[in-house]
C-alpha atoms as a PDB file:
ATOM      1  CA  MET A   1      81.457 113.922 139.397  1.00  0.00           C
ATOM      2  CA  MET A   2      84.216 111.609 140.755  1.00  0.00           C
ATOM      3  CA  PRO A   3      84.167 109.351 143.901  1.00  0.00           C
ATOM      4  CA  GLU A   4      86.796 110.545 146.820  1.00  0.00           C
ATOM      5  CA  LEU A   5      89.577 108.262 146.220  1.00  0.00           C
ATOM      6  CA  GLY A   6      91.690 109.579 148.829  1.00  0.00           C
ATOM      7  CA  LYS A   7      95.303 108.482 149.108  1.00  0.00           C
ATOM      8  CA  TYR A   8      94.548 106.064 145.797  1.00  0.00           C
ATOM      9  CA  THR A   9      93.499 108.536 143.729  1.00  0.00           C
ATOM     10  CA  PHE A  10      97.000 108.589 141.699  1.00  0.00           C
ATOM     11  CA  ILE A  11      97.110 105.270 141.193  1.00  0.00           C
ATOM     12  CA  VAL A  12      93.293 104.512 140.264  1.00  0.00           C
ATOM     13  CA  LEU A  13      93.583 107.399 137.905  1.00  0.00           C
ATOM     14  CA  ALA A  14      96.674 105.987 136.696  1.00  0.00           C
ATOM     15  CA  SER A  15      95.400 102.343 135.870  1.00  0.00           C
ATOM     16  CA  TYR A  16      92.363 103.863 134.373  1.00  0.00           C
ATOM     17  CA  GLY A  17      94.768 105.717 131.929  1.00  0.00           C
ATOM     18  CA  ALA A  18      97.343 102.800 131.342  1.00  0.00           C
ATOM     19  CA  THR A  19      94.099 100.799 130.508  1.00  0.00           C
ATOM     20  CA  LEU A  20      92.506 103.151 128.141  1.00  0.00           C
ATOM     21  CA  ALA A  21      96.158 103.243 126.728  1.00  0.00           C
ATOM     22  CA  LEU A  22      96.548  99.872 126.022  1.00  0.00           C
ATOM     23  CA  LEU A  23      93.095  99.314 124.424  1.00  0.00           C
ATOM     24  CA  GLY A  24      93.685 102.114 122.143  1.00  0.00           C
ATOM     25  CA  ALA A  25      97.422 100.003 120.896  1.00  0.00           C
ATOM     26  CA  ILE A  26      95.310  96.636 120.651  1.00  0.00           C
ATOM     27  CA  ILE A  27      92.986  98.552 118.590  1.00  0.00           C
ATOM     28  CA  LEU A  28      95.423 100.014 116.468  1.00  0.00           C
ATOM     29  CA  LEU A  29      97.386  96.943 115.881  1.00  0.00           C
ATOM     30  CA  SER A  30      93.930  95.187 115.000  1.00  0.00           C
ATOM     31  CA  ALA A  31      93.074  97.502 112.687  1.00  0.00           C
ATOM     32  CA  GLY A  32      96.534  97.511 110.361  1.00  0.00           C
ATOM     33  CA  GLN A  33      96.861  94.033 111.093  1.00  0.00           C
ATOM     34  CA  ALA A  34      93.005  94.034 109.260  1.00  0.00           C
ATOM     35  CA  ARG A  35      94.173  96.334 106.294  1.00  0.00           C
ATOM     36  CA  ARG A  36      97.586  94.136 105.761  1.00  0.00           C
ATOM     37  CA  ALA A  37      95.446  90.878 105.670  1.00  0.00           C
ATOM     38  CA  LYS A  38      92.840  92.451 103.515  1.00  0.00           C
ATOM     39  CA  ARG A  39      95.491  93.795 101.117  1.00  0.00           C
ATOM     40  CA  ARG A  40      97.321  90.379 100.822  1.00  0.00           C
ATOM     41  CA  LEU A  41      94.406  88.714 100.392  1.00  0.00           C
ATOM     42  CA  LYS A  42      93.312  91.002  97.439  1.00  0.00           C
ATOM     43  CA  GLU A  43      96.794  90.262  96.054  1.00  0.00           C
ATOM     44  CA  ALA A  44      96.434  86.684  95.964  1.00  0.00           C
ATOM     45  CA  GLU A  45      93.229  86.583  94.014  1.00  0.00           C
ATOM     46  CA  GLY A  46      95.219  89.012  91.310  1.00  0.00           C
ATOM     47  CA  LYS A  47      97.518  86.386  91.212  1.00  0.00           C
ATOM     48  CA  ASN A  48      95.523  83.330  90.631  1.00  0.00           C
ATOM     49  CA  VAL A  49      92.891  84.857  88.209  1.00  0.00           C
END
C-alpha cells in the first residue's frame, strides 16, 4: 500500500532508491575493508610467531 504522493512521486521514489543504493554501497565497502583487515592481521600474526 503506497500513499498518494501526487506530483512528488518520482522525486520521493528516486530519493528512496538513491538512499538504498548508497546504504548498499556502504555495506559492501565495509565488508571488503573488514576482510582486508582480517587478512592483514592474520599475515602480521603469522610473521611475528
